[in-house]
Amino acid sequence: MVTLFVTTEIKGQIEPCGCTSDPMGDLARTAALVAHARGSGAVVVLDGGSLLYTDVPRRAGRTAQEELKADLLAAAFRDHLHASALGLGPFDLAAGPGGVRLPRQAANVTGIEVEAPKIMTAGNVRIGVFGVVAPELVHAHGVEATDPVAAAKRAVADLQSQQAHVVVALVHMDRKQVKALVREVPGIDFAVIGASAPEPDAVSNGPDRVDDTWLVQPANRGQTVTRLDVTTRGGDGPLADAIGAARATGEIAVITARADQLAADIARAEADPNADKDFIATMKRDLAELRGQRDSLTKSPLRVPDAGSYFVMTQVGIRKDLACDEKVLQQKVAYDKAVGEANLASAVPPVPAAEGAASYAGTDECAFCHEDAVKFWSVTRHAAAWKTLVDVGKEYNLECVYCHATGFDAPGGSTLTNLSTLPEDGAKLRDAQCEVCHGAGSIHVDDDGKEKPRSLVLRPPKDTCVACHNALHSDTFDYDAYLRDMTGPGHGETFRKSLGDGPTGHELRSAALKNAGATVGKGCRK
């Protein structure tokens, strides 16, 4: 037997944003998962491409950070995960063809360092692997790519001539394109769908079958890793999917999460005297059905075929309860330090506000006239935003700081240049202060609040909030619920009353954190 671990479209993520309730996708945890499996059997690690960079092209001002991150990912996949083959995707090409760092399986590509299709012997299993990429995904980045179907046919024939037991294709295309390719290229056992990888809740817990080929795809950004446990027993015929308890584990986790959320919704509804009783009854029936599905899957036996080779597929969520690899963890700590130093060295002063436009004044100025409002703000989570970065050594990480400072990269606002200085200078704009929601306030301050028309926004639109409170950083965000936390005595007390009863942001986040569990994996810092 051999175990294949498959990733794709990691897109430069070495660890998740720590602001979500159930952060997923961590390089140190993935490395520990693979190392543990290697302790009990043969393992092959494959990546479908788009490993290195978060944005293509790289965002202005982030070149140093993106290159350091790509270096870390390349080193980890080479030295710790010991990846056997990597495909090619557009998110590997932000620095051009010379920046891919590691040889790639891309049989239809020229202009980068490409490996020939190859055989890897793991245990007693000969794994043949090759890769192709959709030409339109790489042409714009200085890479030439020919017909992927023709290249795939040549690669499969080559691998079959070398007596591969299992042939794996790293196909950096979307699902529709991959299906079309495998229909034209027989002999592929597993096709890894490299492009358009979904979020974890949209990942298929079972493989799709097209003719004799199984299509598999993990979630993006390393949030899930696809595990394929393959048993070869000789003979002809396609691999069989041993559907059962082992594969159902992922389905059980999804159903359990839905059931837990529905149970929490029922509890809140039952506590509301105005709730619709019929709707509550419907939710209870849905909950019973979900729990029945979970129980059925738990009892489902593994269905091993009488003859021939077979596999079991599991989508492994890279969550906080998994252990961490200490060497990769130390690499991440060194990366955080290097990123901070590099970003500070290349930081530029803020661009002045345009003539007649407002700049950012800082909450101390607000307090002169709005002492009660600032007092209310001072005990909210927004007032500790900068400290949460300092506590984990990420206060100069450009992927984090823009949500933890005021007016970051805006005219008349903050940059790392002034955020890193003494409090009487730009460091007055640390934290998510009043002006994040209400707009730059210098005109309002200079005119003692008498400017006409009003230069500030009284109630921030939802779009202002979701710049930071989005699925990537704030998975429990609900506009009204979060406003219930951010308004009250001294700060929109009348408006707070108009919101009425209902869940607060704190309650939503607390419930989500409880559902995610408090367990942190062995060796992990968070």
Protein backbone atom coordinates (compact mmCIF):
# COMPACT_ATOMS: atom_id res chain seq x y z
CA MET A 1 0.00 0.00 0.00
CA VAL A 2 1.06 3.60 -0.60
CA THR A 3 -0.40 6.86 0.70
CA LEU A 4 -0.58 9.88 -1.59
CA PHE A 5 -0.98 13.35 -0.11
CA VAL A 6 -2.15 15.96 -2.62
CA THR A 7 -2.26 19.75 -2.37
CA THR A 8 -2.98 22.43 -4.97
CA GLU A 9 -3.38 26.21 -5.22
CA ILE A 10 -1.76 26.91 -1.88
CA LYS A 11 -1.19 30.41 -3.28
CA GLY A 12 1.50 31.46 -0.88
CA GLN A 13 -0.27 30.54 2.36
CA ILE A 14 2.09 29.30 5.03
CA GLU A 15 -0.47 29.67 7.80
CA PRO A 16 -4.06 30.93 8.04
CA CYS A 17 -5.21 34.27 9.33
CA GLY A 18 -5.56 33.82 13.08
CA CYS A 19 -8.66 36.00 13.23
CA THR A 20 -11.08 33.30 12.05
CA SER A 21 -12.86 31.00 14.49
CA ASP A 22 -11.55 27.79 12.91
CA PRO A 23 -8.38 28.69 10.98
CA MET A 24 -7.38 26.12 8.37
CA GLY A 25 -4.32 25.60 6.22
CA ASP A 26 -0.98 25.58 8.04
CA LEU A 27 2.32 24.43 6.56
CA ALA A 28 3.75 23.20 9.88
CA ARG A 29 0.66 21.08 10.53
CA THR A 30 0.70 19.64 7.01
CA ALA A 31 4.37 18.71 7.42
CA ALA A 32 3.63 16.96 10.72
CA LEU A 33 0.68 15.09 9.16
CA VAL A 34 2.89 13.79 6.36
CA ALA A 35 5.76 12.90 8.72
CA HIS A 36 3.40 10.90 10.93
CA ALA A 37 2.13 8.94 7.94
CA ARG A 38 5.70 8.24 6.82
CA GLY A 39 6.34 6.65 10.19
CA SER A 40 3.94 3.82 9.34
CA GLY A 41 4.21 3.34 5.57
CA ALA A 42 5.19 4.55 2.13
CA VAL A 43 4.17 8.12 1.33
CA VAL A 44 4.26 10.26 -1.82
CA VAL A 45 3.54 14.02 -1.69
CA LEU A 46 2.27 15.79 -4.82
CA ASP A 47 1.27 19.39 -5.50
CA GLY A 48 -0.93 20.44 -8.41
CA GLY A 49 0.63 23.89 -8.89
CA SER A 50 0.13 27.56 -7.96
CA LEU A 51 2.12 26.97 -4.79
CA LEU A 52 4.27 30.05 -4.33
CA TYR A 53 2.53 33.42 -4.58
CA THR A 54 -0.61 35.04 -3.19
CA ASP A 55 -1.15 37.52 -6.03
CA VAL A 56 -0.20 37.60 -9.70
CA PRO A 57 1.17 40.13 -10.34
CA ARG A 58 2.54 40.82 -6.88
CA ARG A 59 0.92 43.71 -5.07
CA ALA A 60 2.81 46.97 -5.05
CA GLY A 61 5.10 47.19 -2.04
CA ARG A 62 4.91 43.49 -1.21
CA THR A 63 7.73 42.12 -3.35
CA ALA A 64 10.12 41.41 -0.46
CA GLN A 65 7.46 39.67 1.63
CA GLU A 66 6.18 37.60 -1.29
CA GLU A 67 9.68 36.44 -2.24
CA LEU A 68 10.51 35.43 1.33
CA LYS A 69 7.25 33.52 1.54
CA ALA A 70 7.88 31.74 -1.76
CA ASP A 71 11.37 30.79 -0.54
CA LEU A 72 9.87 29.28 2.61
CA LEU A 73 7.25 27.28 0.73
CA ALA A 74 9.78 25.94 -1.76
CA ALA A 75 12.18 24.92 1.01
CA ALA A 76 9.44 23.27 3.05
CA PHE A 77 8.08 21.23 0.13
CA ARG A 78 11.59 20.18 -0.84
CA ASP A 79 13.20 19.55 2.56
CA HIS A 80 10.35 18.70 4.96
CA LEU A 81 7.40 17.41 2.97
CA HIS A 82 9.84 15.82 0.48
CA ALA A 83 7.40 16.42 -2.36
CA SER A 84 7.96 14.00 -5.24
CA ALA A 85 6.41 16.16 -7.95
CA LEU A 86 4.96 19.63 -8.37
CA GLY A 87 2.71 20.89 -11.13
CA LEU A 88 2.75 24.40 -12.51
CA GLY A 89 0.13 27.12 -12.17
CA PRO A 90 -0.06 30.88 -12.73
CA PHE A 91 0.49 31.63 -9.03
CA ASP A 92 4.00 30.18 -9.41
CA LEU A 93 4.89 32.79 -12.02
CA ALA A 94 4.50 36.15 -10.26
CA ALA A 95 8.28 36.67 -10.55
CA GLY A 96 8.40 35.31 -14.10
CA PRO A 97 9.63 31.95 -15.43
CA GLY A 98 12.86 32.23 -13.44
CA GLY A 99 11.07 32.37 -10.10
CA VAL A 100 9.51 28.90 -9.93
CA ARG A 101 12.41 27.69 -7.70
CA LEU A 102 11.73 23.94 -8.07
CA PRO A 103 11.53 21.69 -11.17
CA ARG A 104 7.95 21.23 -12.36
CA GLN A 105 5.92 18.48 -13.94
CA ALA A 106 4.57 20.33 -16.97
CA ALA A 107 4.91 18.16 -20.05
CA ASN A 108 3.48 20.76 -22.43
CA VAL A 109 5.58 23.70 -21.19
CA THR A 110 8.90 25.22 -22.22
CA GLY A 111 10.81 28.12 -20.71
CA ILE A 112 11.10 26.84 -17.12
CA GLU A 113 12.92 23.93 -15.48
CA VAL A 114 10.70 20.95 -16.30
CA GLU A 115 11.02 17.34 -15.15
CA ALA A 116 10.23 14.51 -17.52
CA PRO A 117 7.31 12.27 -16.54
CA LYS A 118 8.74 9.92 -13.93
CA ILE A 119 8.26 6.74 -11.95
CA MET A 120 8.52 6.79 -8.15
CA THR A 121 8.69 3.53 -6.24
CA ALA A 122 6.97 3.80 -2.87
CA GLY A 123 6.76 0.56 -0.93
CA ASN A 124 6.05 -1.97 -3.63
CA VAL A 125 4.02 0.43 -5.78
CA ARG A 126 5.35 2.13 -8.93
CA ILE A 127 3.69 5.56 -9.14
CA GLY A 128 3.95 7.31 -12.49
CA VAL A 129 3.38 11.05 -12.49
CA PHE A 130 3.25 13.81 -15.08
CA GLY A 131 1.72 17.27 -15.36
CA VAL A 132 0.14 19.54 -17.95
CA VAL A 133 -1.28 23.05 -17.73
CA ALA A 134 -3.92 24.97 -19.66
CA PRO A 135 -1.91 27.23 -22.03
CA GLU A 136 -4.08 30.29 -21.36
CA LEU A 137 -3.14 30.21 -17.67
CA VAL A 138 0.58 30.67 -18.26
CA HIS A 139 0.99 32.44 -21.60
CA ALA A 140 0.57 35.86 -20.00
CA HIS A 141 3.47 35.14 -17.65
CA GLY A 142 6.15 34.46 -20.24
CA VAL A 143 5.75 30.68 -20.49
CA GLU A 144 5.01 28.83 -23.70
CA ALA A 145 2.60 25.89 -23.53
CA THR A 146 1.51 23.51 -26.29
CA ASP A 147 -1.53 21.24 -26.63
CA PRO A 148 -2.00 19.53 -23.22
CA VAL A 149 -3.88 16.54 -24.67
CA ALA A 150 -1.06 15.59 -27.01
CA ALA A 151 1.51 16.00 -24.24
CA ALA A 152 -0.60 13.92 -21.85
CA LYS A 153 -0.93 11.08 -24.35
CA ARG A 154 2.85 10.94 -24.79
CA ALA A 155 3.40 11.04 -21.04
CA VAL A 156 0.94 8.22 -20.29
CA ALA A 157 2.47 6.03 -22.99
CA ASP A 158 5.94 6.65 -21.54
CA LEU A 159 4.86 5.81 -17.99
CA GLN A 160 2.99 2.69 -19.08
CA SER A 161 6.08 1.49 -20.93
CA GLN A 162 7.92 1.74 -17.61
CA GLN A 163 5.32 -0.54 -15.95
CA ALA A 164 3.69 2.08 -13.73
CA HIS A 165 1.14 0.50 -11.41
CA VAL A 166 -0.68 3.80 -10.90
CA VAL A 167 -0.58 6.89 -13.15
CA VAL A 168 -1.26 10.31 -11.60
CA ALA A 169 -1.77 13.45 -13.72
CA LEU A 170 -1.28 16.90 -12.21
CA VAL A 171 -3.64 18.82 -14.50
CA HIS A 172 -3.67 22.56 -13.85
CA MET A 173 -7.03 23.33 -15.41
CA ASP A 174 -10.56 23.73 -14.13
CA ARG A 175 -12.83 20.73 -13.59
CA LYS A 176 -14.59 20.97 -16.95
CA GLN A 177 -11.29 21.05 -18.83
CA VAL A 178 -9.88 18.15 -16.83
CA LYS A 179 -12.93 16.02 -17.62
CA ALA A 180 -12.51 16.75 -21.31
CA LEU A 181 -8.82 15.87 -21.19
CA VAL A 182 -9.17 12.51 -19.43
CA ARG A 183 -11.88 11.44 -21.90
CA GLU A 184 -9.30 11.85 -24.64
CA VAL A 185 -6.37 10.36 -22.71
CA PRO A 186 -7.02 6.84 -21.36
CA GLY A 187 -4.67 5.28 -18.83
CA ILE A 188 -4.80 7.95 -16.10
CA ASP A 189 -5.82 6.54 -12.71
CA PHE A 190 -5.95 9.83 -10.75
CA ALA A 191 -6.25 13.31 -12.24
CA VAL A 192 -5.54 16.08 -9.75
CA ILE A 193 -7.65 19.13 -10.66
CA GLY A 194 -5.09 21.86 -10.12
CA ALA A 195 -7.03 25.07 -10.83
CA SER A 196 -10.12 26.68 -9.27
CA ALA A 197 -9.71 24.77 -6.01
CA PRO A 198 -12.73 25.47 -3.74
CA GLU A 199 -13.13 26.47 -0.13
CA PRO A 200 -13.35 23.56 2.35
CA ASP A 201 -17.15 23.56 2.57
CA ALA A 202 -17.36 23.00 -1.19
CA VAL A 203 -14.78 20.21 -1.40
CA SER A 204 -16.07 16.86 -2.59
CA ASN A 205 -15.48 14.13 -0.03
CA GLY A 206 -15.60 11.53 -2.77
CA PRO A 207 -13.83 11.42 -6.13
CA ASP A 208 -15.62 11.99 -9.43
CA ARG A 209 -15.22 9.26 -12.02
CA VAL A 210 -14.81 9.92 -15.74
CA ASP A 211 -14.44 6.64 -17.62
CA ASP A 212 -11.66 4.86 -15.69
CA THR A 213 -10.12 8.02 -14.22
CA TRP A 214 -10.79 9.37 -10.72
CA LEU A 215 -10.80 13.15 -10.34
CA VAL A 216 -9.60 14.51 -6.99
CA GLN A 217 -9.16 18.03 -5.65
CA PRO A 218 -8.28 19.42 -2.20
CA ALA A 219 -9.34 22.84 -0.95
CA ASN A 220 -7.36 25.93 -1.81
CA ARG A 221 -4.66 27.52 0.38
CA GLY A 222 -3.79 24.19 1.98
CA GLN A 223 -6.99 24.16 4.01
CA THR A 224 -7.60 20.50 3.20
CA VAL A 225 -5.17 17.91 1.91
CA THR A 226 -6.45 15.01 -0.17
CA ARG A 227 -5.24 11.66 1.14
CA LEU A 228 -5.37 8.62 -1.14
CA ASP A 229 -4.54 5.25 0.41
CA VAL A 230 -3.87 2.97 -2.56
CA THR A 231 -3.66 -0.83 -2.37
CA THR A 232 -2.38 -2.65 -5.46
CA ARG A 233 -3.12 -6.34 -5.91
CA GLY A 234 -2.19 -6.93 -9.54
CA GLY A 235 -4.47 -7.80 -12.40
CA ASP A 236 -6.10 -5.65 -15.02
CA GLY A 237 -8.95 -3.21 -14.65
CA PRO A 238 -9.39 0.23 -13.15
CA LEU A 239 -8.84 1.17 -9.53
CA ALA A 240 -11.92 0.69 -7.37
CA ASP A 241 -13.07 3.28 -4.83
CA ALA A 242 -13.49 1.47 -1.51
CA ILE A 243 -16.35 3.69 -0.35
CA GLY A 244 -17.08 3.37 3.34
CA ALA A 245 -16.19 4.44 6.82
CA ALA A 246 -12.68 5.62 6.02
CA ARG A 247 -13.84 7.98 3.27
CA ALA A 248 -17.00 8.91 5.14
CA THR A 249 -14.91 10.50 7.89
CA GLY A 250 -14.84 13.76 5.97
CA GLU A 251 -18.58 13.61 5.34
CA ILE A 252 -19.22 12.93 9.02
CA ALA A 253 -17.25 16.04 9.97
CA VAL A 254 -19.23 18.23 7.56
CA ILE A 255 -22.59 16.83 8.70
CA THR A 256 -21.63 17.15 12.38
CA ALA A 257 -20.70 20.82 11.89
CA ARG A 258 -24.03 21.49 10.18
CA ALA A 259 -25.92 19.69 12.94
CA ASP A 260 -24.09 21.65 15.66
CA GLN A 261 -24.85 24.95 13.94
CA LEU A 262 -28.51 24.01 13.50
CA ALA A 263 -28.76 22.98 17.15
CA ALA A 264 -27.37 26.39 18.15
CA ASP A 265 -29.88 28.13 15.84
CA ILE A 266 -32.72 26.15 17.45
CA ALA A 267 -31.56 27.12 20.94
CA ARG A 268 -31.52 30.81 20.00
CA ALA A 269 -34.92 30.57 18.36
CA GLU A 270 -36.47 28.83 21.39
CA ALA A 271 -35.15 31.63 23.59
CA ASP A 272 -36.98 34.19 21.43
CA PRO A 273 -40.64 34.52 22.52
CA ASN A 274 -41.55 35.89 19.07
CA ALA A 275 -40.01 33.03 17.10
CA ASP A 276 -42.18 31.07 14.66
CA LYS A 277 -43.02 27.74 16.33
CA ASP A 278 -43.61 25.97 13.02
CA PHE A 279 -40.20 27.08 11.78
CA ILE A 280 -38.59 25.75 14.96
CA ALA A 281 -40.34 22.41 14.42
CA THR A 282 -39.01 22.29 10.85
CA MET A 283 -35.49 22.96 12.07
CA LYS A 284 -35.81 20.15 14.61
CA ARG A 285 -36.88 17.72 11.87
CA ASP A 286 -33.88 18.81 9.79
CA LEU A 287 -31.60 18.28 12.79
CA ALA A 288 -32.94 14.76 13.34
CA GLU A 289 -32.34 13.98 9.65
CA LEU A 290 -28.74 15.23 9.81
CA ARG A 291 -28.03 13.18 12.90
CA GLY A 292 -29.49 10.13 11.20
CA GLN A 293 -27.22 10.62 8.20
CA ARG A 294 -24.23 10.93 10.51
CA ASP A 295 -25.11 7.73 12.37
CA SER A 296 -25.58 5.85 9.11
CA LEU A 297 -22.18 6.91 7.80
CA THR A 298 -20.49 6.02 11.09
CA LYS A 299 -21.72 2.42 10.77
CA SER A 300 -20.88 2.11 7.05
CA PRO A 301 -18.29 -0.64 6.41
CA LEU A 302 -15.36 -0.32 4.03
CA ARG A 303 -16.23 -2.00 0.74
CA VAL A 304 -13.07 -3.75 -0.44
CA PRO A 305 -13.46 -5.39 -3.87
CA ASP A 306 -12.89 -9.13 -4.15
CA ALA A 307 -10.10 -8.64 -6.67
CA GLY A 308 -8.03 -5.87 -8.21
CA SER A 309 -6.55 -2.69 -6.84
CA TYR A 310 -8.47 -0.14 -4.81
CA PHE A 311 -8.12 3.10 -2.90
CA VAL A 312 -9.69 5.08 -0.08
CA MET A 313 -9.92 8.86 -0.34
CA THR A 314 -10.13 11.22 2.64
CA GLN A 315 -10.17 15.00 2.70
CA VAL A 316 -8.05 15.91 5.73
CA GLY A 317 -8.86 19.32 7.22
CA ILE A 318 -5.67 21.10 8.32
CA ARG A 319 -7.12 22.45 11.56
CA LYS A 320 -5.63 23.71 14.80
CA ASP A 321 -5.93 20.38 16.64
CA LEU A 322 -3.28 18.81 14.37
CA ALA A 323 0.30 18.68 15.60
CA CYS A 324 2.99 21.00 14.22
CA ASP A 325 6.36 20.15 12.74
CA GLU A 326 8.94 21.92 14.90
CA LYS A 327 11.44 22.59 12.10
CA VAL A 328 8.81 24.18 9.87
CA LEU A 329 7.51 26.12 12.86
CA GLN A 330 10.98 27.56 13.44
CA GLN A 331 11.19 28.47 9.76
CA LYS A 332 7.91 30.38 10.10
CA VAL A 333 9.22 32.29 13.14
CA ALA A 334 12.36 33.23 11.22
CA TYR A 335 10.19 34.25 8.28
CA ASP A 336 8.08 36.58 10.45
CA LYS A 337 11.25 38.28 11.71
CA ALA A 338 12.75 38.59 8.23
CA VAL A 339 9.50 39.92 6.78
CA GLY A 340 9.26 42.59 9.45
CA GLU A 341 12.82 43.72 8.83
CA ALA A 342 12.43 43.72 5.04
CA ASN A 343 9.12 45.57 5.10
CA LEU A 344 10.42 48.22 7.48
CA ALA A 345 13.55 48.69 5.36
CA SER A 346 11.47 49.33 2.24
CA ALA A 347 8.63 51.27 3.90
CA VAL A 348 7.76 54.69 2.53
CA PRO A 349 6.14 57.68 4.26
CA PRO A 350 2.40 58.13 3.77
CA VAL A 351 1.23 60.05 0.75
CA PRO A 352 -0.18 63.42 1.87
CA ALA A 353 -3.88 63.95 1.42
CA ALA A 354 -4.84 65.92 -1.66
CA GLU A 355 -5.37 69.64 -1.25
CA GLY A 356 -8.74 70.19 0.40
CA ALA A 357 -9.13 66.52 1.36
CA ALA A 358 -9.12 65.19 4.89
CA SER A 359 -6.23 63.34 6.48
CA TYR A 360 -6.32 61.05 9.51
CA ALA A 361 -6.19 62.80 12.87
CA GLY A 362 -6.24 59.94 15.36
CA THR A 363 -8.63 59.07 18.17
CA ASP A 364 -6.92 61.41 20.64
CA GLU A 365 -8.32 64.29 18.58
CA CYS A 366 -11.78 62.72 18.61
CA ALA A 367 -11.70 62.49 22.39
CA PHE A 368 -11.66 66.26 22.85
CA CYS A 369 -15.33 66.45 21.83
CA HIS A 370 -16.43 62.79 21.95
CA GLU A 371 -14.98 61.60 25.22
CA ASP A 372 -17.81 59.16 25.96
CA ALA A 373 -17.63 57.63 22.48
CA VAL A 374 -13.87 57.15 22.72
CA LYS A 375 -14.28 55.66 26.18
CA PHE A 376 -16.78 53.16 24.74
CA TRP A 377 -14.40 52.35 21.85
CA SER A 378 -11.46 51.84 24.21
CA VAL A 379 -12.93 48.60 25.60
CA THR A 380 -13.87 47.11 22.22
CA ARG A 381 -11.79 44.63 20.23
CA HIS A 382 -10.95 47.41 17.78
CA ALA A 383 -8.93 49.23 20.46
CA ALA A 384 -6.60 46.22 20.90
CA ALA A 385 -6.15 45.48 17.19
CA TRP A 386 -2.47 46.48 17.03
CA LYS A 387 -1.55 44.54 20.19
CA THR A 388 -2.94 41.32 18.73
CA LEU A 389 -0.30 41.58 16.00
CA VAL A 390 2.49 42.52 18.38
CA ASP A 391 1.69 39.46 20.49
CA VAL A 392 2.44 37.15 17.55
CA GLY A 393 5.25 39.16 15.95
CA LYS A 394 3.26 40.21 12.88
CA GLU A 395 2.87 43.95 13.39
CA TYR A 396 4.93 44.64 10.26
CA ASN A 397 3.41 41.89 8.11
CA LEU A 398 1.67 43.55 5.18
CA GLU A 399 -0.91 40.78 4.95
CA CYS A 400 -2.11 41.67 8.46
CA VAL A 401 -1.44 45.26 9.35
CA TYR A 402 -3.98 46.96 7.08
CA CYS A 403 -6.86 45.71 9.25
CA HIS A 404 -5.11 46.56 12.49
CA ALA A 405 -4.25 50.21 11.85
CA THR A 406 -6.11 53.33 10.78
CA GLY A 407 -5.93 54.72 7.26
CA PHE A 408 -3.30 52.22 6.20
CA ASP A 409 -1.85 53.08 2.78
CA ALA A 410 -4.51 55.79 2.36
CA PRO A 411 -3.59 59.41 1.57
CA GLY A 412 -2.89 61.23 4.81
CA GLY A 413 -3.00 57.94 6.73
CA SER A 414 -0.50 55.40 7.99
CA THR A 415 2.26 53.26 6.55
CA LEU A 416 4.86 51.13 8.29
CA THR A 417 7.09 54.19 8.34
CA ASN A 418 4.97 56.10 10.83
CA LEU A 419 3.33 53.12 12.55
CA SER A 420 6.79 52.03 13.72
CA THR A 421 7.68 55.40 15.24
CA LEU A 422 6.99 56.92 18.64
CA PRO A 423 3.36 57.43 19.74
CA GLU A 424 3.43 61.20 19.28
CA ASP A 425 4.06 60.65 15.57
CA GLY A 426 2.25 58.22 13.24
CA ALA A 427 1.91 55.50 15.86
CA LYS A 428 -1.15 57.46 16.96
CA LEU A 429 -2.88 55.60 14.08
CA ARG A 430 -2.31 52.14 15.50
CA ASP A 431 -5.49 50.08 16.14
CA ALA A 432 -8.82 50.23 14.32
CA GLN A 433 -9.80 53.71 15.49
CA CYS A 434 -12.82 55.93 14.93
CA GLU A 435 -11.73 57.03 11.46
CA VAL A 436 -11.68 53.47 10.11
CA CYS A 437 -15.48 53.52 10.26
CA HIS A 438 -16.27 57.21 10.03
CA GLY A 439 -13.63 58.42 7.57
CA ALA A 440 -10.60 60.71 7.77
CA GLY A 441 -11.37 63.43 10.31
CA SER A 442 -8.94 66.33 9.98
CA ILE A 443 -11.49 68.66 8.34
CA HIS A 444 -14.04 67.82 11.04
CA VAL A 445 -11.42 68.49 13.73
CA ASP A 446 -10.18 71.74 12.21
CA ASP A 447 -13.73 73.11 11.87
CA ASP A 448 -14.76 71.95 15.37
CA GLY A 449 -17.43 69.75 13.83
CA LYS A 450 -19.14 72.65 12.05
CA GLU A 451 -18.07 71.83 8.49
CA LYS A 452 -20.77 71.74 5.83
CA PRO A 453 -21.44 69.41 4.23
CA ARG A 454 -20.51 66.92 6.93
CA SER A 455 -17.13 65.38 6.11
CA LEU A 456 -17.62 62.19 8.13
CA VAL A 457 -19.87 59.17 7.75
CA LEU A 458 -22.23 58.80 10.69
CA ARG A 459 -23.09 55.16 10.07
CA PRO A 460 -20.49 53.18 8.11
CA PRO A 461 -21.89 51.16 5.20
CA LYS A 462 -21.46 47.42 5.25
CA ASP A 463 -18.81 47.67 2.53
CA THR A 464 -16.56 49.53 4.96
CA CYS A 465 -16.75 46.65 7.42
CA VAL A 466 -16.27 43.80 4.95
CA ALA A 467 -12.95 45.22 3.79
CA CYS A 468 -11.64 43.39 6.88
CA HIS A 469 -14.64 41.45 8.21
CA ASN A 470 -14.80 39.02 5.30
CA ALA A 471 -14.71 35.24 5.00
CA LEU A 472 -10.91 35.18 4.99
CA HIS A 473 -10.54 37.12 8.24
CA SER A 474 -13.89 37.18 10.05
CA ASP A 475 -15.98 34.11 9.30
CA THR A 476 -18.77 34.91 11.77
CA PHE A 477 -19.38 38.48 10.59
CA ASP A 478 -22.97 39.67 10.52
CA TYR A 479 -23.50 43.40 10.02
CA ASP A 480 -26.28 44.01 12.56
CA ALA A 481 -24.85 41.59 15.11
CA TYR A 482 -21.45 43.24 15.04
CA LEU A 483 -23.00 46.73 15.23
CA ARG A 484 -24.67 45.62 18.47
CA ASP A 485 -21.17 45.25 19.92
CA MET A 486 -19.85 48.50 18.49
CA THR A 487 -22.67 50.83 19.60
CA GLY A 488 -24.03 51.63 23.02
CA PRO A 489 -23.82 54.22 25.82
CA GLY A 490 -21.84 57.17 24.59
CA HIS A 491 -21.54 55.79 21.07
CA GLY A 492 -24.78 55.56 19.15
CA GLU A 493 -26.94 54.51 22.07
CA THR A 494 -30.19 55.40 20.28
CA PHE A 495 -29.07 53.55 17.18
CA ARG A 496 -28.16 50.55 19.33
CA LYS A 497 -31.73 50.43 20.62
CA SER A 498 -33.06 50.52 17.04
CA LEU A 499 -31.15 47.31 16.30
CA GLY A 500 -33.32 45.53 18.84
CA ASP A 501 -32.66 42.18 20.42
CA GLY A 502 -30.66 39.59 18.60
CA PRO A 503 -27.26 37.94 18.59
CA THR A 504 -24.18 40.08 19.06
CA GLY A 505 -20.92 39.63 17.24
CA HIS A 506 -19.35 38.46 20.47
CA GLU A 507 -22.00 35.76 20.84
CA LEU A 508 -21.59 34.57 17.24
CA ARG A 509 -17.83 34.40 17.55
CA SER A 510 -17.95 32.71 20.97
CA ALA A 511 -20.29 30.03 19.63
CA ALA A 512 -18.05 29.46 16.61
CA LEU A 513 -14.95 29.20 18.78
CA LYS A 514 -16.70 26.73 21.05
CA ASN A 515 -17.75 24.67 18.05
CA ALA A 516 -14.18 24.68 16.73
CA GLY A 517 -12.87 23.44 20.06
CA ALA A 518 -10.05 24.66 22.24
CA THR A 519 -7.54 21.91 21.46
CA VAL A 520 -4.28 23.08 19.91
CA GLY A 521 -2.05 20.44 18.37
CA LYS A 522 1.16 19.19 19.94
CA GLY A 523 4.09 21.51 19.36
CA CYS A 524 1.92 24.35 18.02
CA ARG A 525 1.95 27.86 19.43
CA LYS A 526 -1.64 28.63 18.49
